[in-house]
Amino acid sequence: DFHSALDILLPILKEINSKKYCSFLNLAGFISLKLKDEEQALSFFLKSIELDQHQAEILYNISIIYEKKNLLRQAFKYINAASNIDPLDKDILFNKANILETIGLYTESLEVLKQLILIEYSAEVLNLYGLVLHGLKEDRKAIKYYDESLKLKKNDIKALNNISISLRKLGEIDKSEFYLKQALSLAEEKNEELALTY
């Protein structure tokens, strides 16, 4: 009962002014996320970070909220702070690389991915690696990473779309169309990633 839990916490939260009690703010933030109130969650997390800046998980969550709001510079500020505290956390590294790719800082993203791939060899990481190489105009290399990604996650609509884009850039239109048709078929069947695929 998230609403009742938050009602119990709210009177306490106003009085918190020491890092000793950050866990109450963090709990309220996580409850707010469960209630799909990201603004309220953000306010609790930001207050918690004001009191204790060395909380990698909370910095990560602030970054995710800012990323969803498309405030990428702010998202990067917090994910970068999180990675300084916990430089080997795979989720933090993935999100840092992802934000850098979205901003267009491909070389910086690639450096993060080189670390991450040693820790987490997954379809998602390989797909992001391919996207970064595409951003660096190295589509032939990107295709190798998309292929590896598809070996681990056969029907990944994003990877199928991405490989199609790289093949088109290389002028291999028939192959590009082949992957795009697969992506479209899966997108329509699963009702996922339709806008991206169209």
N, C-alpha and C. Protein backbone atom coordinates (compact mmCIF):
# COMPACT_ATOMS: atom_id res chain seq x y z
N ASP A 1 0.86 -1.18 0.00
CA ASP A 1 0.00 0.00 0.00
C ASP A 1 0.90 1.24 0.00
N PHE A 2 1.30 1.65 -1.20
CA PHE A 2 2.28 2.73 -1.33
C PHE A 2 1.75 4.07 -0.80
N HIS A 3 0.47 4.34 -1.03
CA HIS A 3 -0.11 5.61 -0.56
C HIS A 3 -0.02 5.73 0.96
N SER A 4 -0.38 4.65 1.66
CA SER A 4 -0.33 4.67 3.13
C SER A 4 1.11 4.81 3.63
N ALA A 5 2.01 4.10 2.97
CA ALA A 5 3.43 4.18 3.36
C ALA A 5 3.94 5.62 3.22
N LEU A 6 3.57 6.27 2.12
CA LEU A 6 4.02 7.64 1.89
C LEU A 6 3.38 8.60 2.90
N ASP A 7 2.12 8.36 3.23
CA ASP A 7 1.44 9.20 4.23
C ASP A 7 2.15 9.14 5.59
N ILE A 8 2.66 7.97 5.92
CA ILE A 8 3.40 7.81 7.19
C ILE A 8 4.73 8.56 7.13
N LEU A 9 5.38 8.51 5.97
CA LEU A 9 6.71 9.12 5.82
C LEU A 9 6.68 10.64 5.74
N LEU A 10 5.65 11.21 5.10
CA LEU A 10 5.65 12.64 4.80
C LEU A 10 5.93 13.56 5.99
N PRO A 11 5.28 13.35 7.15
CA PRO A 11 5.58 14.25 8.29
C PRO A 11 7.04 14.18 8.76
N ILE A 12 7.63 12.99 8.62
CA ILE A 12 9.03 12.79 9.03
C ILE A 12 9.98 13.53 8.09
N LEU A 13 9.68 13.48 6.78
CA LEU A 13 10.60 13.98 5.77
C LEU A 13 10.88 15.47 5.92
N LYS A 14 9.90 16.22 6.38
CA LYS A 14 10.06 17.68 6.53
C LYS A 14 11.12 18.02 7.57
N GLU A 15 11.32 17.10 8.51
CA GLU A 15 12.24 17.36 9.63
C GLU A 15 13.68 16.90 9.34
N ILE A 16 13.88 16.19 8.25
CA ILE A 16 15.21 15.59 8.01
C ILE A 16 16.20 16.65 7.56
N ASN A 17 17.32 16.75 8.30
CA ASN A 17 18.38 17.67 7.92
C ASN A 17 19.77 17.08 8.18
N SER A 18 19.83 15.76 8.21
CA SER A 18 21.09 15.06 8.44
C SER A 18 21.17 13.85 7.50
N LYS A 19 22.38 13.57 7.03
CA LYS A 19 22.54 12.43 6.11
C LYS A 19 22.25 11.09 6.79
N LYS A 20 22.24 11.12 8.12
CA LYS A 20 21.93 9.92 8.89
C LYS A 20 20.54 9.36 8.53
N TYR A 21 19.64 10.24 8.06
CA TYR A 21 18.27 9.82 7.77
C TYR A 21 17.92 9.86 6.28
N CYS A 22 18.93 9.86 5.45
CA CYS A 22 18.68 9.89 3.99
C CYS A 22 17.86 8.70 3.52
N SER A 23 17.98 7.58 4.22
CA SER A 23 17.24 6.38 3.79
C SER A 23 15.73 6.63 3.77
N PHE A 24 15.23 7.51 4.67
CA PHE A 24 13.80 7.83 4.67
C PHE A 24 13.43 8.59 3.39
N LEU A 25 14.26 9.56 3.00
CA LEU A 25 14.04 10.32 1.77
C LEU A 25 14.09 9.39 0.56
N ASN A 26 15.08 8.49 0.58
CA ASN A 26 15.23 7.56 -0.54
C ASN A 26 14.04 6.61 -0.66
N LEU A 27 13.56 6.13 0.48
CA LEU A 27 12.38 5.26 0.48
C LEU A 27 11.18 6.01 -0.09
N ALA A 28 11.01 7.26 0.33
CA ALA A 28 9.90 8.07 -0.20
C ALA A 28 10.05 8.28 -1.70
N GLY A 29 11.29 8.44 -2.16
CA GLY A 29 11.55 8.59 -3.59
C GLY A 29 11.18 7.34 -4.36
N PHE A 30 11.56 6.18 -3.83
CA PHE A 30 11.24 4.91 -4.52
C PHE A 30 9.73 4.63 -4.50
N ILE A 31 9.07 4.98 -3.39
CA ILE A 31 7.61 4.82 -3.33
C ILE A 31 6.96 5.73 -4.37
N SER A 32 7.44 6.97 -4.48
CA SER A 32 6.90 7.92 -5.47
C SER A 32 7.07 7.38 -6.89
N LEU A 33 8.20 6.73 -7.14
CA LEU A 33 8.40 6.12 -8.47
C LEU A 33 7.37 5.02 -8.71
N LYS A 34 7.10 4.23 -7.68
CA LYS A 34 6.08 3.18 -7.81
C LYS A 34 4.71 3.78 -8.10
N LEU A 35 4.47 4.97 -7.55
CA LEU A 35 3.20 5.67 -7.77
C LEU A 35 3.22 6.51 -9.06
N LYS A 36 4.32 6.37 -9.81
CA LYS A 36 4.49 7.07 -11.10
C LYS A 36 4.48 8.59 -10.95
N ASP A 37 4.97 9.07 -9.81
CA ASP A 37 5.10 10.50 -9.57
C ASP A 37 6.59 10.85 -9.57
N GLU A 38 7.14 11.02 -10.78
CA GLU A 38 8.58 11.24 -10.92
C GLU A 38 9.02 12.60 -10.37
N GLU A 39 8.15 13.60 -10.46
CA GLU A 39 8.49 14.92 -9.92
C GLU A 39 8.70 14.85 -8.41
N GLN A 40 7.79 14.17 -7.73
CA GLN A 40 7.91 14.03 -6.28
C GLN A 40 9.14 13.19 -5.93
N ALA A 41 9.37 12.12 -6.67
CA ALA A 41 10.54 11.28 -6.44
C ALA A 41 11.82 12.10 -6.59
N LEU A 42 11.85 12.92 -7.64
CA LEU A 42 13.03 13.75 -7.90
C LEU A 42 13.28 14.70 -6.73
N SER A 43 12.23 15.29 -6.19
CA SER A 43 12.42 16.23 -5.08
C SER A 43 13.00 15.52 -3.85
N PHE A 44 12.53 14.30 -3.57
CA PHE A 44 13.07 13.54 -2.43
C PHE A 44 14.53 13.15 -2.67
N PHE A 45 14.82 12.67 -3.88
CA PHE A 45 16.19 12.25 -4.21
C PHE A 45 17.16 13.44 -4.16
N LEU A 46 16.73 14.59 -4.68
CA LEU A 46 17.60 15.77 -4.69
C LEU A 46 17.89 16.23 -3.26
N LYS A 47 16.89 16.18 -2.39
CA LYS A 47 17.12 16.56 -0.99
C LYS A 47 18.10 15.58 -0.33
N SER A 48 17.95 14.30 -0.65
CA SER A 48 18.84 13.28 -0.11
C SER A 48 20.29 13.53 -0.55
N ILE A 49 20.46 13.88 -1.82
CA ILE A 49 21.80 14.13 -2.36
C ILE A 49 22.41 15.40 -1.78
N GLU A 50 21.58 16.38 -1.49
CA GLU A 50 22.08 17.59 -0.81
C GLU A 50 22.72 17.24 0.53
N LEU A 51 22.13 16.27 1.21
CA LEU A 51 22.62 15.86 2.53
C LEU A 51 23.80 14.89 2.45
N ASP A 52 23.83 14.08 1.39
CA ASP A 52 24.91 13.09 1.22
C ASP A 52 25.15 12.86 -0.27
N GLN A 53 26.23 13.46 -0.78
CA GLN A 53 26.52 13.38 -2.22
C GLN A 53 27.13 12.05 -2.67
N HIS A 54 27.38 11.14 -1.74
CA HIS A 54 28.08 9.90 -2.08
C HIS A 54 27.13 8.70 -2.19
N GLN A 55 25.99 8.89 -2.79
CA GLN A 55 25.00 7.82 -2.96
C GLN A 55 24.85 7.52 -4.46
N ALA A 56 25.61 6.55 -4.93
CA ALA A 56 25.62 6.25 -6.36
C ALA A 56 24.23 5.86 -6.88
N GLU A 57 23.50 5.05 -6.12
CA GLU A 57 22.19 4.58 -6.58
C GLU A 57 21.20 5.75 -6.74
N ILE A 58 21.25 6.70 -5.82
CA ILE A 58 20.34 7.83 -5.87
C ILE A 58 20.73 8.77 -7.02
N LEU A 59 22.01 8.99 -7.20
CA LEU A 59 22.48 9.79 -8.34
C LEU A 59 22.04 9.15 -9.65
N TYR A 60 22.13 7.83 -9.73
CA TYR A 60 21.69 7.08 -10.91
C TYR A 60 20.20 7.32 -11.17
N ASN A 61 19.40 7.23 -10.12
CA ASN A 61 17.95 7.42 -10.28
C ASN A 61 17.60 8.85 -10.69
N ILE A 62 18.30 9.83 -10.14
CA ILE A 62 18.09 11.23 -10.56
C ILE A 62 18.39 11.36 -12.05
N SER A 63 19.49 10.75 -12.46
CA SER A 63 19.88 10.79 -13.87
C SER A 63 18.80 10.20 -14.78
N ILE A 64 18.23 9.07 -14.37
CA ILE A 64 17.18 8.42 -15.16
C ILE A 64 15.97 9.34 -15.31
N ILE A 65 15.59 10.00 -14.23
CA ILE A 65 14.43 10.91 -14.27
C ILE A 65 14.71 12.07 -15.23
N TYR A 66 15.90 12.65 -15.13
CA TYR A 66 16.25 13.76 -16.03
C TYR A 66 16.32 13.29 -17.49
N GLU A 67 16.81 12.07 -17.68
CA GLU A 67 16.89 11.53 -19.05
C GLU A 67 15.48 11.39 -19.64
N LYS A 68 14.53 10.90 -18.85
CA LYS A 68 13.15 10.77 -19.32
C LYS A 68 12.54 12.12 -19.66
N LYS A 69 12.99 13.17 -18.94
CA LYS A 69 12.49 14.52 -19.20
C LYS A 69 13.25 15.17 -20.35
N ASN A 70 14.19 14.42 -20.94
CA ASN A 70 15.03 14.89 -22.05
C ASN A 70 15.94 16.05 -21.64
N LEU A 71 16.30 16.08 -20.35
CA LEU A 71 17.25 17.07 -19.84
C LEU A 71 18.60 16.35 -19.73
N LEU A 72 19.24 16.17 -20.89
CA LEU A 72 20.37 15.26 -20.99
C LEU A 72 21.63 15.77 -20.32
N ARG A 73 21.86 17.08 -20.36
CA ARG A 73 23.05 17.63 -19.68
C ARG A 73 22.96 17.40 -18.17
N GLN A 74 21.76 17.62 -17.62
CA GLN A 74 21.57 17.37 -16.18
C GLN A 74 21.67 15.86 -15.89
N ALA A 75 21.09 15.06 -16.78
CA ALA A 75 21.17 13.60 -16.62
C ALA A 75 22.63 13.16 -16.59
N PHE A 76 23.43 13.73 -17.49
CA PHE A 76 24.85 13.35 -17.56
C PHE A 76 25.59 13.78 -16.29
N LYS A 77 25.29 14.96 -15.80
CA LYS A 77 25.94 15.45 -14.56
C LYS A 77 25.79 14.44 -13.43
N TYR A 78 24.58 13.91 -13.27
CA TYR A 78 24.32 12.99 -12.16
C TYR A 78 24.85 11.59 -12.43
N ILE A 79 24.78 11.13 -13.67
CA ILE A 79 25.30 9.78 -13.96
C ILE A 79 26.82 9.78 -13.88
N ASN A 80 27.43 10.90 -14.25
CA ASN A 80 28.88 11.02 -14.15
C ASN A 80 29.31 11.00 -12.69
N ALA A 81 28.56 11.71 -11.84
CA ALA A 81 28.86 11.70 -10.40
C ALA A 81 28.70 10.28 -9.84
N ALA A 82 27.67 9.57 -10.29
CA ALA A 82 27.45 8.18 -9.84
C ALA A 82 28.62 7.29 -10.26
N SER A 83 29.11 7.48 -11.50
CA SER A 83 30.21 6.62 -11.98
C SER A 83 31.53 6.95 -11.29
N ASN A 84 31.68 8.17 -10.79
CA ASN A 84 32.88 8.50 -10.00
C ASN A 84 32.87 7.77 -8.66
N ILE A 85 31.68 7.52 -8.13
CA ILE A 85 31.55 6.81 -6.85
C ILE A 85 31.66 5.30 -7.06
N ASP A 86 31.00 4.79 -8.11
CA ASP A 86 30.97 3.35 -8.37
C ASP A 86 31.33 3.09 -9.84
N PRO A 87 32.63 3.14 -10.16
CA PRO A 87 33.06 3.09 -11.57
C PRO A 87 32.86 1.74 -12.27
N LEU A 88 32.48 0.69 -11.54
CA LEU A 88 32.32 -0.62 -12.16
C LEU A 88 30.87 -1.10 -12.17
N ASP A 89 29.94 -0.24 -11.78
CA ASP A 89 28.52 -0.62 -11.81
C ASP A 89 28.04 -0.66 -13.25
N LYS A 90 27.55 -1.81 -13.70
CA LYS A 90 27.18 -1.98 -15.11
C LYS A 90 26.01 -1.10 -15.53
N ASP A 91 25.03 -0.91 -14.63
CA ASP A 91 23.88 -0.07 -14.98
C ASP A 91 24.29 1.40 -15.14
N ILE A 92 25.16 1.84 -14.23
CA ILE A 92 25.65 3.22 -14.30
C ILE A 92 26.46 3.41 -15.58
N LEU A 93 27.36 2.48 -15.87
CA LEU A 93 28.18 2.59 -17.09
C LEU A 93 27.31 2.58 -18.34
N PHE A 94 26.31 1.70 -18.37
CA PHE A 94 25.44 1.62 -19.55
C PHE A 94 24.72 2.95 -19.77
N ASN A 95 24.17 3.48 -18.69
CA ASN A 95 23.41 4.72 -18.84
C ASN A 95 24.31 5.90 -19.21
N LYS A 96 25.52 5.89 -18.66
CA LYS A 96 26.48 6.96 -19.00
C LYS A 96 26.80 6.90 -20.50
N ALA A 97 27.09 5.70 -21.00
CA ALA A 97 27.39 5.53 -22.43
C ALA A 97 26.19 5.91 -23.29
N ASN A 98 24.99 5.53 -22.82
CA ASN A 98 23.76 5.81 -23.56
C ASN A 98 23.50 7.32 -23.66
N ILE A 99 23.68 8.03 -22.55
CA ILE A 99 23.47 9.48 -22.56
C ILE A 99 24.49 10.16 -23.46
N LEU A 100 25.74 9.73 -23.36
CA LEU A 100 26.79 10.31 -24.23
C LEU A 100 26.47 10.07 -25.70
N GLU A 101 25.97 8.88 -26.03
CA GLU A 101 25.59 8.58 -27.42
C GLU A 101 24.45 9.49 -27.86
N THR A 102 23.45 9.66 -27.01
CA THR A 102 22.29 10.49 -27.34
C THR A 102 22.69 11.94 -27.56
N ILE A 103 23.63 12.44 -26.74
CA ILE A 103 24.12 13.81 -26.89
C ILE A 103 24.96 13.96 -28.16
N GLY A 104 25.53 12.85 -28.63
CA GLY A 104 26.38 12.90 -29.82
C GLY A 104 27.86 12.89 -29.50
N LEU A 105 28.20 12.58 -28.24
CA LEU A 105 29.61 12.49 -27.84
C LEU A 105 30.05 11.02 -27.99
N TYR A 106 30.21 10.63 -29.25
CA TYR A 106 30.43 9.22 -29.58
C TYR A 106 31.77 8.68 -29.08
N THR A 107 32.83 9.47 -29.21
CA THR A 107 34.15 9.00 -28.77
C THR A 107 34.15 8.75 -27.27
N GLU A 108 33.53 9.67 -26.51
CA GLU A 108 33.46 9.51 -25.06
C GLU A 108 32.60 8.30 -24.69
N SER A 109 31.51 8.12 -25.42
CA SER A 109 30.63 6.96 -25.19
C SER A 109 31.38 5.66 -25.44
N LEU A 110 32.17 5.63 -26.50
CA LEU A 110 32.93 4.44 -26.86
C LEU A 110 33.92 4.06 -25.75
N GLU A 111 34.54 5.06 -25.14
CA GLU A 111 35.48 4.79 -24.05
C GLU A 111 34.77 4.11 -22.87
N VAL A 112 33.57 4.57 -22.57
CA VAL A 112 32.80 3.96 -21.48
C VAL A 112 32.41 2.53 -21.86
N LEU A 113 31.99 2.34 -23.12
CA LEU A 113 31.57 1.02 -23.58
C LEU A 113 32.71 0.01 -23.58
N LYS A 114 33.92 0.46 -23.83
CA LYS A 114 35.08 -0.43 -23.79
C LYS A 114 35.26 -1.02 -22.39
N GLN A 115 34.96 -0.22 -21.37
CA GLN A 115 34.99 -0.71 -19.98
C GLN A 115 33.81 -1.65 -19.73
N LEU A 116 32.63 -1.20 -20.16
CA LEU A 116 31.40 -1.93 -19.86
C LEU A 116 31.37 -3.32 -20.47
N ILE A 117 31.84 -3.45 -21.70
CA ILE A 117 31.74 -4.73 -22.41
C ILE A 117 32.57 -5.82 -21.72
N LEU A 118 33.56 -5.41 -20.93
CA LEU A 118 34.36 -6.38 -20.17
C LEU A 118 33.59 -6.91 -18.96
N ILE A 119 32.61 -6.12 -18.50
CA ILE A 119 31.81 -6.49 -17.34
C ILE A 119 30.50 -7.14 -17.75
N GLU A 120 29.89 -6.60 -18.80
CA GLU A 120 28.53 -7.00 -19.21
C GLU A 120 28.50 -7.21 -20.73
N TYR A 121 28.59 -8.46 -21.16
CA TYR A 121 28.54 -8.79 -22.58
C TYR A 121 27.11 -9.20 -22.90
N SER A 122 26.26 -8.20 -23.19
CA SER A 122 24.84 -8.48 -23.41
C SER A 122 24.39 -7.89 -24.75
N ALA A 123 23.20 -8.31 -25.18
CA ALA A 123 22.63 -7.80 -26.43
C ALA A 123 22.48 -6.28 -26.38
N GLU A 124 22.05 -5.75 -25.23
CA GLU A 124 21.83 -4.30 -25.10
C GLU A 124 23.15 -3.54 -25.24
N VAL A 125 24.20 -4.05 -24.61
CA VAL A 125 25.51 -3.39 -24.67
C VAL A 125 26.05 -3.44 -26.10
N LEU A 126 25.93 -4.59 -26.74
CA LEU A 126 26.42 -4.74 -28.12
C LEU A 126 25.65 -3.83 -29.08
N ASN A 127 24.35 -3.72 -28.87
CA ASN A 127 23.53 -2.85 -29.71
C ASN A 127 23.95 -1.39 -29.55
N LEU A 128 24.17 -0.97 -28.30
CA LEU A 128 24.61 0.40 -28.05
C LEU A 128 26.00 0.65 -28.65
N TYR A 129 26.87 -0.35 -28.55
CA TYR A 129 28.21 -0.27 -29.15
C TYR A 129 28.07 -0.01 -30.65
N GLY A 130 27.17 -0.75 -31.29
CA GLY A 130 26.93 -0.55 -32.72
C GLY A 130 26.42 0.84 -33.02
N LEU A 131 25.50 1.34 -32.21
CA LEU A 131 24.97 2.69 -32.40
C LEU A 131 26.06 3.75 -32.33
N VAL A 132 26.96 3.58 -31.38
CA VAL A 132 28.07 4.53 -31.22
C VAL A 132 28.98 4.48 -32.43
N LEU A 133 29.29 3.27 -32.91
CA LEU A 133 30.13 3.14 -34.11
C LEU A 133 29.43 3.74 -35.33
N HIS A 134 28.11 3.59 -35.41
CA HIS A 134 27.34 4.23 -36.48
C HIS A 134 27.50 5.76 -36.39
N GLY A 135 27.42 6.28 -35.16
CA GLY A 135 27.61 7.72 -34.95
C GLY A 135 28.99 8.18 -35.37
N LEU A 136 29.98 7.29 -35.25
CA LEU A 136 31.35 7.60 -35.67
C LEU A 136 31.58 7.30 -37.16
N LYS A 137 30.49 6.97 -37.86
CA LYS A 137 30.51 6.65 -39.30
C LYS A 137 31.37 5.41 -39.60
N GLU A 138 31.33 4.46 -38.68
CA GLU A 138 32.02 3.18 -38.87
C GLU A 138 30.97 2.08 -38.96
N ASP A 139 30.14 2.18 -40.02
CA ASP A 139 28.98 1.29 -40.12
C ASP A 139 29.34 -0.17 -40.34
N ARG A 140 30.45 -0.45 -41.02
CA ARG A 140 30.85 -1.84 -41.23
C ARG A 140 31.14 -2.51 -39.89
N LYS A 141 31.84 -1.78 -39.01
CA LYS A 141 32.11 -2.31 -37.66
C LYS A 141 30.82 -2.39 -36.85
N ALA A 142 29.97 -1.39 -37.01
CA ALA A 142 28.70 -1.36 -36.27
C ALA A 142 27.88 -2.61 -36.55
N ILE A 143 27.85 -3.02 -37.82
CA ILE A 143 27.06 -4.20 -38.23
C ILE A 143 27.53 -5.46 -37.50
N LYS A 144 28.84 -5.58 -37.29
CA LYS A 144 29.36 -6.74 -36.55
C LYS A 144 28.79 -6.79 -35.14
N TYR A 145 28.70 -5.63 -34.50
CA TYR A 145 28.15 -5.59 -33.14
C TYR A 145 26.65 -5.86 -33.13
N TYR A 146 25.93 -5.34 -34.13
CA TYR A 146 24.49 -5.64 -34.22
C TYR A 146 24.28 -7.14 -34.43
N ASP A 147 25.11 -7.74 -35.29
CA ASP A 147 25.02 -9.18 -35.54
C ASP A 147 25.22 -9.97 -34.25
N GLU A 148 26.24 -9.58 -33.47
CA GLU A 148 26.50 -10.25 -32.19
C GLU A 148 25.32 -10.06 -31.24
N SER A 149 24.76 -8.85 -31.25
CA SER A 149 23.60 -8.56 -30.41
C SER A 149 22.44 -9.48 -30.77
N LEU A 150 22.21 -9.66 -32.07
CA LEU A 150 21.09 -10.49 -32.54
C LEU A 150 21.31 -11.98 -32.26
N LYS A 151 22.57 -12.40 -32.11
CA LYS A 151 22.84 -13.78 -31.71
C LYS A 151 22.38 -14.02 -30.28
N LEU A 152 22.51 -12.99 -29.45
CA LEU A 152 22.12 -13.11 -28.04
C LEU A 152 20.63 -12.86 -27.82
N LYS A 153 20.04 -12.01 -28.67
CA LYS A 153 18.63 -11.66 -28.54
C LYS A 153 18.05 -11.59 -29.95
N LYS A 154 17.61 -12.75 -30.43
CA LYS A 154 17.28 -12.95 -31.84
C LYS A 154 16.28 -11.95 -32.41
N ASN A 155 15.21 -11.70 -31.71
CA ASN A 155 14.14 -10.85 -32.25
C ASN A 155 14.13 -9.45 -31.65
N ASP A 156 15.32 -8.86 -31.53
CA ASP A 156 15.43 -7.51 -30.96
C ASP A 156 15.12 -6.49 -32.06
N ILE A 157 13.97 -5.84 -31.91
CA ILE A 157 13.49 -4.91 -32.94
C ILE A 157 14.46 -3.74 -33.11
N LYS A 158 14.99 -3.23 -32.00
CA LYS A 158 15.92 -2.09 -32.09
C LYS A 158 17.18 -2.47 -32.88
N ALA A 159 17.73 -3.64 -32.59
CA ALA A 159 18.94 -4.08 -33.29
C ALA A 159 18.66 -4.30 -34.77
N LEU A 160 17.49 -4.86 -35.08
CA LEU A 160 17.12 -5.07 -36.49
C LEU A 160 16.98 -3.74 -37.22
N ASN A 161 16.38 -2.76 -36.57
CA ASN A 161 16.28 -1.42 -37.15
C ASN A 161 17.67 -0.81 -37.37
N ASN A 162 18.51 -0.95 -36.35
CA ASN A 162 19.84 -0.34 -36.41
C ASN A 162 20.70 -0.95 -37.51
N ILE A 163 20.64 -2.28 -37.64
CA ILE A 163 21.44 -2.92 -38.70
C ILE A 163 20.92 -2.51 -40.08
N SER A 164 19.62 -2.33 -40.18
CA SER A 164 19.02 -1.87 -41.44
C SER A 164 19.53 -0.48 -41.81
N ILE A 165 19.62 0.40 -40.82
CA ILE A 165 20.10 1.77 -41.06
C ILE A 165 21.56 1.77 -41.51
N SER A 166 22.40 0.97 -40.84
CA SER A 166 23.81 0.91 -41.22
C SER A 166 23.99 0.33 -42.61
N LEU A 167 23.22 -0.70 -42.94
CA LEU A 167 23.31 -1.29 -44.28
C LEU A 167 22.88 -0.28 -45.35
N ARG A 168 21.85 0.50 -45.04
CA ARG A 168 21.40 1.52 -45.99
C ARG A 168 22.50 2.56 -46.21
N LYS A 169 23.16 2.96 -45.12
CA LYS A 169 24.27 3.94 -45.23
C LYS A 169 25.39 3.41 -46.13
N LEU A 170 25.58 2.09 -46.09
CA LEU A 170 26.62 1.47 -46.91
C LEU A 170 26.15 1.17 -48.33
N GLY A 171 24.90 1.52 -48.62
CA GLY A 171 24.36 1.31 -49.97
C GLY A 171 23.85 -0.09 -50.23
N GLU A 172 23.75 -0.91 -49.18
CA GLU A 172 23.28 -2.29 -49.34
C GLU A 172 21.77 -2.33 -49.08
N ILE A 173 21.04 -1.81 -50.05
CA ILE A 173 19.61 -1.56 -49.89
C ILE A 173 18.81 -2.86 -49.72
N ASP A 174 19.12 -3.89 -50.50
CA ASP A 174 18.37 -5.15 -50.40
C ASP A 174 18.50 -5.77 -49.01
N LYS A 175 19.73 -5.79 -48.49
CA LYS A 175 19.96 -6.34 -47.15
C LYS A 175 19.27 -5.47 -46.10
N SER A 176 19.36 -4.15 -46.30
CA SER A 176 18.71 -3.21 -45.38
C SER A 176 17.21 -3.49 -45.32
N GLU A 177 16.60 -3.69 -46.48
CA GLU A 177 15.16 -3.96 -46.56
C GLU A 177 14.82 -5.29 -45.88
N PHE A 178 15.68 -6.28 -46.04
CA PHE A 178 15.46 -7.59 -45.43
C PHE A 178 15.33 -7.47 -43.91
N TYR A 179 16.28 -6.74 -43.28
CA TYR A 179 16.23 -6.57 -41.82
C TYR A 179 15.07 -5.68 -41.39
N LEU A 180 14.77 -4.68 -42.19
CA LEU A 180 13.68 -3.77 -41.85
C LEU A 180 12.33 -4.50 -41.89
N LYS A 181 12.16 -5.40 -42.86
CA LYS A 181 10.92 -6.18 -42.93
C LYS A 181 10.77 -7.08 -41.71
N GLN A 182 11.89 -7.65 -41.26
CA GLN A 182 11.85 -8.46 -40.04
C GLN A 182 11.44 -7.61 -38.84
N ALA A 183 12.04 -6.42 -38.75
CA ALA A 183 11.73 -5.51 -37.64
C ALA A 183 10.26 -5.11 -37.66
N LEU A 184 9.75 -4.81 -38.85
CA LEU A 184 8.36 -4.36 -38.98
C LEU A 184 7.39 -5.48 -38.61
N SER A 185 7.69 -6.68 -39.07
CA SER A 185 6.84 -7.82 -38.76
C SER A 185 6.75 -8.04 -37.25
N LEU A 186 7.91 -7.98 -36.58
CA LEU A 186 7.96 -8.17 -35.12
C LEU A 186 7.29 -7.01 -34.39
N ALA A 187 7.52 -5.79 -34.87
CA ALA A 187 6.93 -4.60 -34.23
C ALA A 187 5.41 -4.65 -34.28
N GLU A 188 4.88 -5.07 -35.43
CA GLU A 188 3.42 -5.16 -35.56
C GLU A 188 2.86 -6.32 -34.73
N GLU A 189 3.59 -7.43 -34.71
CA GLU A 189 3.15 -8.61 -33.94
C GLU A 189 3.15 -8.31 -32.43
N LYS A 190 4.21 -7.66 -31.96
CA LYS A 190 4.35 -7.40 -30.52
C LYS A 190 3.75 -6.05 -30.10
N ASN A 191 3.40 -5.23 -31.09
CA ASN A 191 2.93 -3.86 -30.83
C ASN A 191 3.97 -3.07 -30.01
N GLU A 192 5.23 -3.17 -30.45
CA GLU A 192 6.35 -2.49 -29.81
C GLU A 192 7.20 -1.80 -30.88
N GLU A 193 7.79 -0.68 -30.50
CA GLU A 193 8.73 0.04 -31.36
C GLU A 193 8.16 0.34 -32.75
N LEU A 194 6.84 0.51 -32.82
CA LEU A 194 6.22 0.75 -34.13
C LEU A 194 6.65 2.08 -34.74
N ALA A 195 6.65 3.16 -33.95
CA ALA A 195 7.03 4.48 -34.47
C ALA A 195 8.45 4.45 -34.99
N LEU A 196 9.34 3.85 -34.22
CA LEU A 196 10.76 3.74 -34.62
C LEU A 196 10.88 3.00 -35.96
N THR A 197 10.18 1.90 -36.07
CA THR A 197 10.30 1.06 -37.26
C THR A 197 9.67 1.73 -38.48
N TYR A 198 8.48 2.34 -38.29
CA TYR A 198 7.85 3.05 -39.42
C TYR A 198 8.76 4.20 -39.88
